[in-house]
Amino acid sequence: MTLVAIVSLLFVGGLLACFAEYLRAGAARWLAVISVLSALLLLGRYLPNAMQVLHGETPRADQVWDHLQVLWIPRFGIHFAVAIDGLSFLMLSLTLIAGLFGLWMCWRERRFGEGFYYANYLWVLAGVVGVFCARDLFLFFCFWEVMLVPMSLLIALWGHGQKNRAAIQFFIFTQASSLFLLIAIIGVVLTHFRQTGEVSFLPAELSQTLLSSFSSSNTAFWLMLGFFVAFAVKLPIIPFHPWLPDAHTQAPTAGSVLLAAILLKTGAYGLIRFTLPLFPEASLTFAPMAAGLGVAGILYGALMAFAQTDVKRLVAYSSISHMGFVLLGIYSFTAIGLQGAVAQMVAHGLSTAALFGLAGVLQARFHTRDMLVLGGLSVQMPRWAAMLLFFTVAAMGLPGLANFVGELLALMGSFKLHPWMTVLATGGLIGSALYGLKLIRQLLFGTPRAQHPTPPQSLINNDLLRHEMLALALPLLLLIGLGLSPQLMLRQSAAWTEIIVERVNLSSEQDTDRKPHTDQGRRQLEQADSRGGRQ
């Protein structure tokens, strides 16, 4: 019941926050912090499981740390099934840590309707936690939709500039892609029903049927494509990315943190948790196309980031580039590549959340994020400048930090299956250095081209306030710790990556046995038949 308690705590905390602002000023903010901290404490119950994995006591690949499964809608075989393993633990930890960081970093921001603001904030976290825990496809889809509305409201009500346009664009892209996901889920369930006469939304049961029923059919490819499109929009990858720069730019600071650190990871998580295990053969067929899209995203994102003058927009396009490495690692179908993708998800969530937090400080101090207006901040805001320097070089993949681990493993894993695409993807490393150095040069050492507003004297003398320094210390320490000891996150996801690799290899072997594509394969079968054997 611990997982249910975490989700319920965030949902109920959001409901209480709606009314807390009428009782006392600032009560909703404190209630939100208490809710997230309590959820983190509940998640700490699974630390002994994580420590067992770190000490080499790796459980069976199919073993989960905790689970709850009860029949929810018997008529359609829908279960309320939640579970946690090493991969889910990593994602849940990232979700709650990023959620706490967003609250802490924006502690002194004043906004209208604080109660409803923090309610939507907690509901987004609850939906994401549900996505990372759900083990029933219908339940997963419900939590997937729960994330959409509160995130859209955060952008539309508390964003900047053309916030309504950005919110509508985000809503339309996500909702349209969700329809593909729903159709694909229904198609998978109907296929299972035709084979077994039973209706089930449990991936553990569906995968056993799908491996045999799709042996000689293109249906698996189209169903896989439905899953892929839904997750690709949330990732996002080219050409499903147009919503991301506007949503990041116009969202409030805490909303940008949620988008970058958490919501983008739900797309990659869906590919790893559902798409590859359910459709190993179709995914292997689609791998060159997916890898090509990943490389295109890496290069395009880096190029567009270099062309930006708005700090938030630059970081937003850099996210597209970094998520390209995740996609490349996922479709490498190697354990090292998949673990690199997971490591990149965690590292990107921490570093990009911090960069959006620092961009929010600029917005609060100077009411602008334009690099052509700002400049020379290393003298005016030395602590802010030091933090920007650290998190920028972390995002660039400095060795010794967690981002370097993720990018290196993703490239190493993909080289075996996609050598030339991997070579092209290394251009993204050069691109990240270019736009990162541009950001540092212009903001810290550049000369402002226009007179920018001067912040209050108290903020000049204390550029980063105490709560902001404490908030930024959290991702800083985690990036250093995970960079120096990457086993902390790599071993947690090892069991699930092994499952994916085994299923892909099994599917490939079965396909070879069914259809020998080469003359050598046909000759081997003929020789085996002549000996009375069977290959």
Protein backbone atom coordinates (compact mmCIF):
# COMPACT_ATOMS: atom_id res chain seq x y z
CA MET A 1 0.00 0.00 0.00
CA THR A 2 3.02 2.32 0.13
CA LEU A 3 2.74 3.22 -3.56
CA VAL A 4 -0.98 3.90 -3.20
CA ALA A 5 -0.23 6.05 -0.16
CA ILE A 6 2.28 8.15 -2.13
CA VAL A 7 -0.18 8.83 -4.96
CA SER A 8 -3.05 9.46 -2.54
CA LEU A 9 -0.94 11.80 -0.44
CA LEU A 10 -0.17 14.00 -3.44
CA PHE A 11 -3.79 14.00 -4.65
CA VAL A 12 -5.24 14.77 -1.23
CA GLY A 13 -2.52 17.36 -0.59
CA GLY A 14 -3.62 19.12 -3.76
CA LEU A 15 -7.25 19.15 -2.65
CA LEU A 16 -6.34 20.56 0.76
CA ALA A 17 -4.11 23.20 -0.82
CA CYS A 18 -7.14 24.62 -2.66
CA PHE A 19 -8.68 25.61 0.66
CA ALA A 20 -5.54 26.22 2.72
CA GLU A 21 -4.93 29.68 1.27
CA TYR A 22 -8.22 30.88 2.76
CA LEU A 23 -7.10 29.84 6.25
CA ARG A 24 -3.69 31.49 6.35
CA ALA A 25 -1.33 33.21 3.91
CA GLY A 26 1.36 30.83 2.71
CA ALA A 27 -0.40 27.76 4.12
CA ALA A 28 -0.87 26.21 0.67
CA ARG A 29 2.85 26.49 -0.04
CA TRP A 30 3.80 24.81 3.23
CA LEU A 31 1.21 22.12 2.64
CA ALA A 32 2.71 21.38 -0.78
CA VAL A 33 6.21 21.06 0.69
CA ILE A 34 4.97 18.80 3.48
CA SER A 35 3.14 16.60 0.96
CA VAL A 36 6.21 16.13 -1.23
CA LEU A 37 8.51 15.55 1.76
CA SER A 38 6.09 12.98 3.17
CA ALA A 39 5.98 11.21 -0.19
CA LEU A 40 9.80 11.13 -0.20
CA LEU A 41 9.82 9.63 3.28
CA LEU A 42 7.39 6.94 2.15
CA LEU A 43 9.56 6.21 -0.87
CA GLY A 44 12.50 5.81 1.53
CA ARG A 45 10.90 2.53 2.61
CA TYR A 46 12.43 0.99 -0.51
CA LEU A 47 15.99 2.14 0.20
CA PRO A 48 16.92 -1.28 1.68
CA ASN A 49 15.93 -2.87 -1.66
CA ALA A 50 18.10 -0.37 -3.52
CA MET A 51 21.03 -1.04 -1.20
CA GLN A 52 20.72 -4.80 -1.76
CA VAL A 53 21.05 -4.22 -5.49
CA LEU A 54 24.11 -2.01 -4.95
CA HIS A 55 25.82 -4.68 -2.88
CA GLY A 56 25.47 -7.22 -5.65
CA GLU A 57 22.41 -9.01 -4.33
CA THR A 58 20.56 -8.53 -7.59
CA PRO A 59 17.07 -10.09 -7.52
CA ARG A 60 15.61 -12.09 -10.35
CA ALA A 61 15.04 -10.06 -13.48
CA ASP A 62 11.28 -10.36 -13.20
CA GLN A 63 11.10 -9.69 -9.45
CA VAL A 64 9.54 -6.47 -8.15
CA TRP A 65 10.20 -4.86 -4.81
CA ASP A 66 6.57 -4.26 -3.96
CA HIS A 67 3.24 -4.55 -5.75
CA LEU A 68 -0.50 -4.32 -5.34
CA GLN A 69 -2.99 -5.83 -7.77
CA VAL A 70 -6.75 -5.85 -7.24
CA LEU A 71 -9.51 -6.32 -9.77
CA TRP A 72 -10.90 -2.89 -10.58
CA ILE A 73 -13.38 -3.32 -13.47
CA PRO A 74 -14.07 -7.08 -13.71
CA ARG A 75 -16.16 -6.87 -16.90
CA PHE A 76 -13.15 -5.66 -18.90
CA GLY A 77 -10.42 -7.39 -16.94
CA ILE A 78 -8.98 -4.08 -15.71
CA HIS A 79 -6.85 -4.20 -12.56
CA PHE A 80 -5.61 -1.54 -10.22
CA ALA A 81 -2.06 -2.82 -10.48
CA VAL A 82 0.93 -0.84 -9.22
CA ALA A 83 4.46 -2.06 -8.60
CA ILE A 84 7.97 -0.79 -8.07
CA ASP A 85 11.34 -2.11 -9.15
CA GLY A 86 14.75 -0.52 -9.65
CA LEU A 87 13.75 1.42 -12.75
CA SER A 88 10.57 2.76 -11.15
CA PHE A 89 12.50 3.65 -8.00
CA LEU A 90 14.91 5.80 -10.00
CA MET A 91 12.09 7.60 -11.78
CA LEU A 92 10.05 8.11 -8.60
CA SER A 93 13.09 9.49 -6.80
CA LEU A 94 13.74 11.91 -9.66
CA THR A 95 10.07 12.96 -9.68
CA LEU A 96 9.86 13.78 -5.99
CA ILE A 97 13.31 15.38 -5.80
CA ALA A 98 12.54 17.60 -8.80
CA GLY A 99 9.14 18.42 -7.33
CA LEU A 100 10.75 19.47 -4.05
CA PHE A 101 13.39 21.47 -5.95
CA GLY A 102 10.72 23.40 -7.88
CA LEU A 103 8.90 24.35 -4.69
CA TRP A 104 12.09 25.29 -2.87
CA MET A 105 13.58 27.31 -5.74
CA CYS A 106 10.44 29.42 -6.17
CA TRP A 107 9.75 29.75 -2.44
CA ARG A 108 9.38 33.54 -2.37
CA GLU A 109 7.46 33.96 -5.59
CA ARG A 110 4.07 35.56 -5.07
CA ARG A 111 1.23 34.70 -7.42
CA PHE A 112 -2.54 34.93 -7.49
CA GLY A 113 -4.59 31.88 -6.55
CA GLU A 114 -1.77 30.19 -4.63
CA GLY A 115 -4.02 27.40 -3.41
CA PHE A 116 -5.11 26.35 -6.89
CA TYR A 117 -1.54 26.76 -8.17
CA TYR A 118 -0.08 24.33 -5.64
CA ALA A 119 -3.02 22.00 -6.13
CA ASN A 120 -2.21 21.68 -9.83
CA TYR A 121 1.47 21.31 -9.01
CA LEU A 122 0.80 18.37 -6.69
CA TRP A 123 -1.67 16.79 -9.12
CA VAL A 124 0.97 16.80 -11.86
CA LEU A 125 3.35 15.01 -9.48
CA ALA A 126 0.63 12.51 -8.56
CA GLY A 127 -0.05 11.73 -12.21
CA VAL A 128 3.64 11.23 -12.96
CA VAL A 129 4.08 8.96 -9.91
CA GLY A 130 1.12 6.91 -11.15
CA VAL A 131 2.66 6.61 -14.61
CA PHE A 132 5.90 5.25 -13.15
CA CYS A 133 4.05 2.76 -10.92
CA ALA A 134 1.18 1.51 -13.12
CA ARG A 135 1.35 -2.09 -14.33
CA ASP A 136 -2.04 -2.15 -16.06
CA LEU A 137 -2.28 -0.44 -19.45
CA PHE A 138 -5.68 1.09 -18.72
CA LEU A 139 -4.48 2.43 -15.36
CA PHE A 140 -1.34 3.71 -17.06
CA PHE A 141 -3.46 5.56 -19.61
CA CYS A 142 -5.56 7.12 -16.83
CA PHE A 143 -2.50 8.48 -15.05
CA TRP A 144 -1.08 9.55 -18.41
CA GLU A 145 -4.14 11.75 -18.92
CA VAL A 146 -4.11 13.02 -15.32
CA MET A 147 -0.80 14.79 -16.02
CA LEU A 148 -2.23 16.74 -18.95
CA VAL A 149 -4.90 19.07 -17.51
CA PRO A 150 -3.07 20.43 -14.42
CA MET A 151 0.11 21.02 -16.44
CA SER A 152 -1.87 22.93 -19.06
CA LEU A 153 -3.47 25.04 -16.31
CA LEU A 154 -0.08 25.84 -14.80
CA ILE A 155 1.07 27.21 -18.15
CA ALA A 156 -2.17 29.01 -19.06
CA LEU A 157 -2.83 30.69 -15.69
CA TRP A 158 0.63 31.40 -14.27
CA GLY A 159 2.85 31.51 -17.36
CA HIS A 160 4.46 34.42 -19.20
CA GLY A 161 3.95 36.08 -22.57
CA GLN A 162 1.86 34.03 -24.98
CA LYS A 163 0.98 31.55 -22.25
CA ASN A 164 -2.48 30.67 -23.61
CA ARG A 165 -1.06 29.78 -27.01
CA ALA A 166 1.65 27.63 -25.42
CA ALA A 167 -0.86 25.87 -23.15
CA ILE A 168 -3.27 25.11 -26.01
CA GLN A 169 -0.44 23.83 -28.19
CA PHE A 170 0.80 21.58 -25.39
CA PHE A 171 -2.72 20.28 -24.77
CA ILE A 172 -3.48 19.56 -28.44
CA PHE A 173 -0.19 17.75 -29.12
CA THR A 174 -0.43 15.62 -25.99
CA GLN A 175 -4.12 14.85 -26.32
CA ALA A 176 -3.84 13.92 -29.99
CA SER A 177 -0.95 11.57 -29.27
CA SER A 178 -2.93 10.02 -26.41
CA LEU A 179 -5.56 8.91 -28.93
CA PHE A 180 -2.91 6.89 -30.77
CA LEU A 181 -1.94 5.31 -27.46
CA LEU A 182 -5.54 4.45 -26.60
CA ILE A 183 -6.18 2.87 -30.02
CA ALA A 184 -2.97 0.84 -29.76
CA ILE A 185 -3.87 -0.38 -26.27
CA ILE A 186 -7.30 -1.48 -27.46
CA GLY A 187 -5.70 -3.26 -30.44
CA VAL A 188 -3.30 -5.16 -28.18
CA VAL A 189 -6.11 -6.19 -25.82
CA LEU A 190 -8.32 -7.38 -28.71
CA THR A 191 -5.46 -9.43 -30.13
CA HIS A 192 -4.99 -11.07 -26.75
CA PHE A 193 -8.75 -11.71 -26.51
CA ARG A 194 -8.85 -13.43 -29.92
CA GLN A 195 -6.02 -15.73 -28.91
CA THR A 196 -7.08 -16.61 -25.37
CA GLY A 197 -10.76 -15.62 -25.03
CA GLU A 198 -9.86 -13.45 -22.02
CA VAL A 199 -9.73 -9.68 -21.67
CA SER A 200 -6.67 -8.35 -19.89
CA PHE A 201 -4.75 -5.08 -19.72
CA LEU A 202 -1.78 -6.54 -17.82
CA PRO A 203 1.43 -6.29 -19.90
CA ALA A 204 2.83 -9.42 -18.23
CA GLU A 205 -0.02 -11.47 -19.72
CA LEU A 206 -0.22 -9.59 -23.01
CA SER A 207 3.46 -10.02 -23.87
CA GLN A 208 3.23 -13.83 -23.76
CA THR A 209 0.42 -13.82 -26.32
CA LEU A 210 1.85 -11.13 -28.57
CA LEU A 211 5.14 -12.95 -29.17
CA SER A 212 3.30 -15.87 -30.76
CA SER A 213 0.31 -14.18 -32.38
CA PHE A 214 2.38 -11.61 -34.34
CA SER A 215 4.82 -14.08 -35.83
CA SER A 216 3.74 -13.47 -39.42
CA SER A 217 1.75 -10.26 -39.30
CA ASN A 218 2.34 -6.53 -39.78
CA THR A 219 -0.23 -5.77 -37.09
CA ALA A 220 2.46 -5.64 -34.42
CA PHE A 221 4.31 -2.93 -36.31
CA TRP A 222 1.29 -0.63 -36.51
CA LEU A 223 0.34 -1.19 -32.89
CA MET A 224 3.92 -0.52 -31.86
CA LEU A 225 3.80 2.67 -33.90
CA GLY A 226 0.77 3.86 -31.91
CA PHE A 227 2.72 3.46 -28.67
CA PHE A 228 5.80 5.05 -30.20
CA VAL A 229 4.01 8.18 -31.46
CA ALA A 230 2.39 8.82 -28.07
CA PHE A 231 5.68 8.50 -26.23
CA ALA A 232 7.66 10.35 -28.91
CA VAL A 233 5.45 13.43 -28.54
CA LYS A 234 6.10 13.55 -24.81
CA LEU A 235 9.84 12.84 -25.20
CA PRO A 236 9.81 14.79 -27.64
CA ILE A 237 11.58 13.93 -30.88
CA ILE A 238 11.47 15.41 -34.34
CA PRO A 239 8.92 16.05 -35.87
CA PHE A 240 6.72 15.98 -32.73
CA HIS A 241 8.65 18.71 -30.88
CA PRO A 242 7.02 22.09 -31.76
CA TRP A 243 5.11 22.33 -28.47
CA LEU A 244 8.23 22.07 -26.30
CA PRO A 245 10.06 25.42 -26.84
CA ASP A 246 6.89 27.49 -26.36
CA ALA A 247 5.72 25.49 -23.34
CA HIS A 248 9.10 25.77 -21.63
CA THR A 249 9.50 29.45 -22.44
CA GLN A 250 6.04 30.59 -21.34
CA ALA A 251 5.60 28.29 -18.34
CA PRO A 252 6.31 29.54 -14.80
CA THR A 253 9.69 28.53 -13.40
CA ALA A 254 8.32 25.62 -11.37
CA GLY A 255 6.28 24.50 -14.39
CA SER A 256 9.41 24.48 -16.56
CA VAL A 257 11.14 22.36 -13.91
CA LEU A 258 8.30 19.82 -14.01
CA LEU A 259 8.31 19.73 -17.81
CA ALA A 260 12.06 19.30 -18.19
CA ALA A 261 12.87 17.08 -15.24
CA ILE A 262 9.81 14.83 -15.16
CA LEU A 263 7.27 14.98 -17.99
CA LEU A 264 9.80 14.42 -20.76
CA LYS A 265 10.98 11.29 -18.96
CA THR A 266 7.52 9.72 -19.04
CA GLY A 267 7.85 9.30 -22.80
CA ALA A 268 11.21 7.54 -22.56
CA TYR A 269 9.93 5.45 -19.65
CA GLY A 270 6.92 4.32 -21.72
CA LEU A 271 9.22 3.13 -24.50
CA ILE A 272 11.39 1.16 -22.07
CA ARG A 273 8.59 -0.24 -19.92
CA PHE A 274 5.95 -1.09 -22.54
CA THR A 275 6.90 -0.59 -26.20
CA LEU A 276 10.08 -2.65 -26.35
CA PRO A 277 8.90 -5.59 -24.15
CA LEU A 278 5.49 -5.83 -25.88
CA PHE A 279 6.80 -5.48 -29.45
CA PRO A 280 10.43 -6.66 -29.51
CA GLU A 281 10.41 -7.83 -33.13
CA ALA A 282 8.58 -4.77 -34.46
CA SER A 283 10.82 -2.48 -32.39
CA LEU A 284 13.91 -4.15 -33.83
CA THR A 285 12.55 -3.57 -37.33
CA PHE A 286 11.82 0.06 -36.49
CA ALA A 287 15.18 0.61 -34.78
CA PRO A 288 17.02 2.24 -37.75
CA MET A 289 14.21 4.76 -38.18
CA ALA A 290 14.08 5.50 -34.43
CA ALA A 291 17.85 5.89 -34.27
CA GLY A 292 17.72 8.23 -37.27
CA LEU A 293 15.10 10.36 -35.53
CA GLY A 294 17.27 10.40 -32.42
CA VAL A 295 20.32 11.60 -34.35
CA ALA A 296 18.22 14.23 -36.14
CA GLY A 297 16.98 15.46 -32.77
CA ILE A 298 20.52 15.61 -31.38
CA LEU A 299 21.84 17.73 -34.23
CA TYR A 300 18.72 19.86 -34.74
CA GLY A 301 18.34 20.59 -31.04
CA ALA A 302 21.98 21.65 -30.71
CA LEU A 303 21.77 23.86 -33.80
CA MET A 304 18.56 25.57 -32.68
CA ALA A 305 19.88 26.02 -29.13
CA PHE A 306 22.92 27.84 -30.49
CA ALA A 307 20.65 30.23 -32.41
CA GLN A 308 18.60 31.31 -29.36
CA THR A 309 18.96 34.49 -27.32
CA ASP A 310 16.33 33.64 -24.67
CA VAL A 311 17.91 31.57 -21.89
CA LYS A 312 14.82 29.42 -21.35
CA ARG A 313 14.40 28.77 -25.05
CA LEU A 314 18.06 27.77 -25.35
CA VAL A 315 17.70 25.24 -22.52
CA ALA A 316 14.45 23.96 -24.07
CA TYR A 317 16.10 23.20 -27.42
CA SER A 318 19.05 21.63 -25.61
CA SER A 319 16.54 19.22 -24.04
CA ILE A 320 15.52 18.04 -27.51
CA SER A 321 19.18 17.33 -28.24
CA HIS A 322 19.73 15.46 -24.98
CA MET A 323 16.58 13.40 -25.41
CA GLY A 324 17.97 12.30 -28.77
CA PHE A 325 20.74 10.48 -26.88
CA VAL A 326 18.07 8.77 -24.79
CA LEU A 327 16.24 7.55 -27.90
CA LEU A 328 19.51 6.36 -29.44
CA GLY A 329 20.35 4.38 -26.32
CA ILE A 330 16.89 2.84 -26.05
CA TYR A 331 16.94 1.52 -29.62
CA SER A 332 20.45 0.14 -29.33
CA PHE A 333 18.93 -3.04 -27.78
CA THR A 334 22.03 -3.50 -25.67
CA ALA A 335 22.19 -3.49 -21.89
CA ILE A 336 24.85 -0.78 -21.86
CA GLY A 337 22.86 1.44 -24.24
CA LEU A 338 19.63 1.06 -22.29
CA GLN A 339 21.38 1.79 -19.02
CA GLY A 340 22.97 4.82 -20.64
CA ALA A 341 19.52 6.04 -21.67
CA VAL A 342 18.25 5.68 -18.09
CA ALA A 343 21.33 7.45 -16.73
CA GLN A 344 20.85 10.28 -19.23
CA MET A 345 17.21 10.63 -18.15
CA VAL A 346 18.22 11.06 -14.51
CA ALA A 347 21.16 13.37 -15.20
CA HIS A 348 19.25 15.53 -17.66
CA GLY A 349 16.38 15.87 -15.20
CA LEU A 350 18.71 17.20 -12.50
CA SER A 351 20.86 19.53 -14.61
CA THR A 352 18.06 20.99 -16.72
CA ALA A 353 15.82 21.57 -13.70
CA ALA A 354 18.64 23.60 -12.16
CA LEU A 355 19.18 25.59 -15.37
CA PHE A 356 15.50 26.49 -15.56
CA GLY A 357 15.65 27.49 -11.90
CA LEU A 358 18.56 29.81 -12.65
CA ALA A 359 16.67 31.25 -15.63
CA GLY A 360 13.77 31.91 -13.27
CA VAL A 361 16.12 33.93 -11.04
CA LEU A 362 16.94 36.15 -14.05
CA GLN A 363 13.23 36.59 -14.74
CA ALA A 364 12.57 37.58 -11.13
CA ARG A 365 15.54 39.98 -10.87
CA PHE A 366 15.62 41.65 -14.27
CA HIS A 367 12.20 40.77 -15.79
CA THR A 368 13.98 39.50 -18.90
CA ARG A 369 15.92 36.45 -20.03
CA ASP A 370 17.37 37.96 -23.20
CA MET A 371 21.11 37.33 -23.46
CA LEU A 372 21.44 40.39 -25.72
CA VAL A 373 20.21 42.57 -22.88
CA LEU A 374 21.98 40.88 -19.98
CA GLY A 375 25.71 40.46 -19.54
CA GLY A 376 28.59 40.74 -17.12
CA LEU A 377 26.69 38.92 -14.36
CA SER A 378 29.82 37.20 -13.01
CA VAL A 379 30.63 40.44 -11.18
CA GLN A 380 27.10 41.45 -10.27
CA MET A 381 25.86 37.98 -9.23
CA PRO A 382 28.92 35.81 -8.46
CA ARG A 383 27.10 32.96 -6.73
CA TRP A 384 24.50 32.76 -9.47
CA ALA A 385 27.34 32.81 -12.02
CA ALA A 386 29.13 29.93 -10.28
CA MET A 387 25.99 27.83 -10.29
CA LEU A 388 25.30 28.60 -13.96
CA LEU A 389 28.86 27.61 -14.86
CA PHE A 390 28.59 24.29 -13.03
CA PHE A 391 25.21 23.20 -14.41
CA THR A 392 26.07 24.33 -17.94
CA VAL A 393 29.26 22.28 -18.09
CA ALA A 394 27.32 19.40 -16.50
CA ALA A 395 24.78 19.58 -19.34
CA MET A 396 27.70 19.68 -21.80
CA GLY A 397 28.83 16.28 -20.47
CA LEU A 398 31.86 17.15 -18.37
CA PRO A 399 33.65 13.93 -17.29
CA GLY A 400 33.09 13.17 -13.63
CA LEU A 401 29.45 14.26 -13.70
CA ALA A 402 26.36 12.14 -14.33
CA ASN A 403 25.57 13.57 -17.79
CA PHE A 404 28.88 12.28 -19.14
CA VAL A 405 28.03 8.76 -17.99
CA GLY A 406 24.65 8.76 -19.73
CA GLU A 407 25.88 10.12 -23.05
CA LEU A 408 28.97 7.89 -23.14
CA LEU A 409 27.05 4.68 -22.42
CA ALA A 410 24.28 5.57 -24.89
CA LEU A 411 26.84 6.11 -27.66
CA MET A 412 28.81 2.99 -26.77
CA GLY A 413 25.67 0.86 -26.74
CA SER A 414 24.33 2.17 -30.04
CA PHE A 415 27.62 1.80 -31.94
CA LYS A 416 27.19 -1.95 -32.36
CA LEU A 417 23.82 -1.68 -34.13
CA HIS A 418 24.04 1.83 -35.63
CA PRO A 419 27.74 2.66 -36.15
CA TRP A 420 27.36 5.47 -38.68
CA MET A 421 24.47 7.09 -36.85
CA THR A 422 26.49 6.99 -33.66
CA VAL A 423 29.35 8.78 -35.40
CA LEU A 424 26.92 11.48 -36.54
CA ALA A 425 25.46 11.72 -33.04
CA THR A 426 28.85 12.68 -31.64
CA GLY A 427 28.36 15.98 -33.44
CA GLY A 428 25.80 16.75 -30.76
CA LEU A 429 28.62 16.74 -28.20
CA ILE A 430 30.35 19.48 -30.15
CA GLY A 431 27.06 21.34 -30.50
CA SER A 432 26.41 21.22 -26.75
CA ALA A 433 29.84 22.74 -26.14
CA LEU A 434 29.08 25.54 -28.61
CA TYR A 435 25.75 26.64 -27.17
CA GLY A 436 26.95 26.07 -23.61
CA LEU A 437 29.99 28.27 -24.08
CA LYS A 438 27.85 30.87 -25.79
CA LEU A 439 25.53 30.96 -22.78
CA ILE A 440 28.45 31.31 -20.36
CA ARG A 441 30.29 33.92 -22.40
CA GLN A 442 27.33 36.19 -22.98
CA LEU A 443 25.74 36.07 -19.53
CA LEU A 444 28.82 35.93 -17.33
CA PHE A 445 31.46 37.80 -19.27
CA GLY A 446 29.61 39.61 -22.05
CA THR A 447 28.77 43.29 -22.19
CA PRO A 448 25.05 44.11 -22.15
CA ARG A 449 23.89 45.76 -25.38
CA ALA A 450 21.09 47.63 -23.62
CA GLN A 451 20.50 49.03 -20.18
CA HIS A 452 18.76 46.31 -18.20
CA PRO A 453 16.67 46.97 -15.10
CA THR A 454 18.64 47.09 -11.86
CA PRO A 455 17.39 44.75 -9.14
CA PRO A 456 16.90 45.96 -5.58
CA GLN A 457 20.07 46.61 -3.58
CA SER A 458 19.41 43.59 -1.37
CA LEU A 459 19.44 41.27 -4.36
CA ILE A 460 22.64 42.79 -5.73
CA ASN A 461 24.46 42.12 -2.46
CA ASN A 462 22.95 38.65 -2.13
CA ASP A 463 22.43 37.50 -5.70
CA LEU A 464 21.24 34.00 -4.76
CA LEU A 465 19.19 33.89 -1.58
CA ARG A 466 19.71 31.22 1.04
CA HIS A 467 16.77 29.07 0.00
CA GLU A 468 17.91 29.23 -3.63
CA MET A 469 21.42 28.10 -2.73
CA LEU A 470 20.02 25.22 -0.68
CA ALA A 471 17.73 24.20 -3.51
CA LEU A 472 20.55 24.23 -6.08
CA ALA A 473 22.83 22.28 -3.75
CA LEU A 474 20.54 19.26 -4.07
CA PRO A 475 20.97 18.61 -7.85
CA LEU A 476 24.62 19.73 -7.63
CA LEU A 477 25.53 17.06 -5.09
CA LEU A 478 23.52 14.40 -6.90
CA LEU A 479 25.21 15.11 -10.24
CA ILE A 480 28.64 14.85 -8.63
CA GLY A 481 27.76 11.72 -6.65
CA LEU A 482 26.15 9.90 -9.57
CA GLY A 483 29.00 10.96 -11.86
CA LEU A 484 31.70 9.60 -9.55
CA SER A 485 29.71 6.50 -8.60
CA PRO A 486 27.33 5.75 -11.48
CA GLN A 487 26.58 2.29 -10.10
CA LEU A 488 24.10 4.01 -7.79
CA MET A 489 21.73 4.37 -10.75
CA LEU A 490 23.05 1.87 -13.29
CA ARG A 491 22.54 -1.22 -11.14
CA GLN A 492 18.97 -0.20 -10.29
CA SER A 493 17.87 -0.50 -13.91
CA ALA A 494 20.05 -3.51 -14.79
CA ALA A 495 17.34 -6.13 -14.18
CA TRP A 496 14.78 -4.54 -16.50
CA THR A 497 17.29 -3.82 -19.26
CA GLU A 498 18.26 -7.51 -19.18
CA ILE A 499 14.60 -8.44 -19.71
CA ILE A 500 14.40 -6.22 -22.79
CA VAL A 501 17.63 -7.53 -24.30
CA GLU A 502 16.57 -11.15 -23.71
CA ARG A 503 13.14 -10.63 -25.30
CA VAL A 504 14.63 -8.89 -28.32
CA ASN A 505 17.21 -11.66 -28.76
CA LEU A 506 14.52 -14.33 -28.34
CA SER A 507 12.29 -12.63 -30.89
CA SER A 508 15.18 -12.30 -33.32
CA GLU A 509 16.07 -15.99 -32.96
CA GLN A 510 12.46 -17.05 -33.45
CA ASP A 511 12.21 -14.88 -36.55
CA THR A 512 15.39 -16.45 -37.93
CA ASP A 513 14.04 -19.93 -37.29
CA ARG A 514 10.74 -19.09 -38.98
CA LYS A 515 12.13 -17.19 -41.95
CA PRO A 516 15.80 -17.77 -42.92
CA HIS A 517 16.40 -14.60 -44.90
CA THR A 518 19.78 -15.62 -46.34
CA ASP A 519 20.91 -18.51 -48.52
CA GLN A 520 23.24 -19.60 -45.74
CA GLY A 521 20.29 -19.90 -43.37
CA ARG A 522 18.36 -22.00 -45.88
CA ARG A 523 21.36 -24.30 -46.42
CA GLN A 524 21.74 -24.77 -42.67
CA LEU A 525 18.08 -25.76 -42.37
CA GLU A 526 18.40 -28.19 -45.28
CA GLN A 527 21.49 -29.78 -43.73
CA ALA A 528 19.74 -30.10 -40.40
CA ASP A 529 16.73 -31.74 -42.05
CA SER A 530 18.96 -34.15 -43.92
CA ARG A 531 20.48 -35.26 -40.60
CA GLY A 532 17.01 -35.70 -39.16
CA GLY A 533 17.60 -32.81 -36.78
CA ARG A 534 15.77 -29.57 -36.27
CA GLN A 535 17.26 -26.09 -36.00
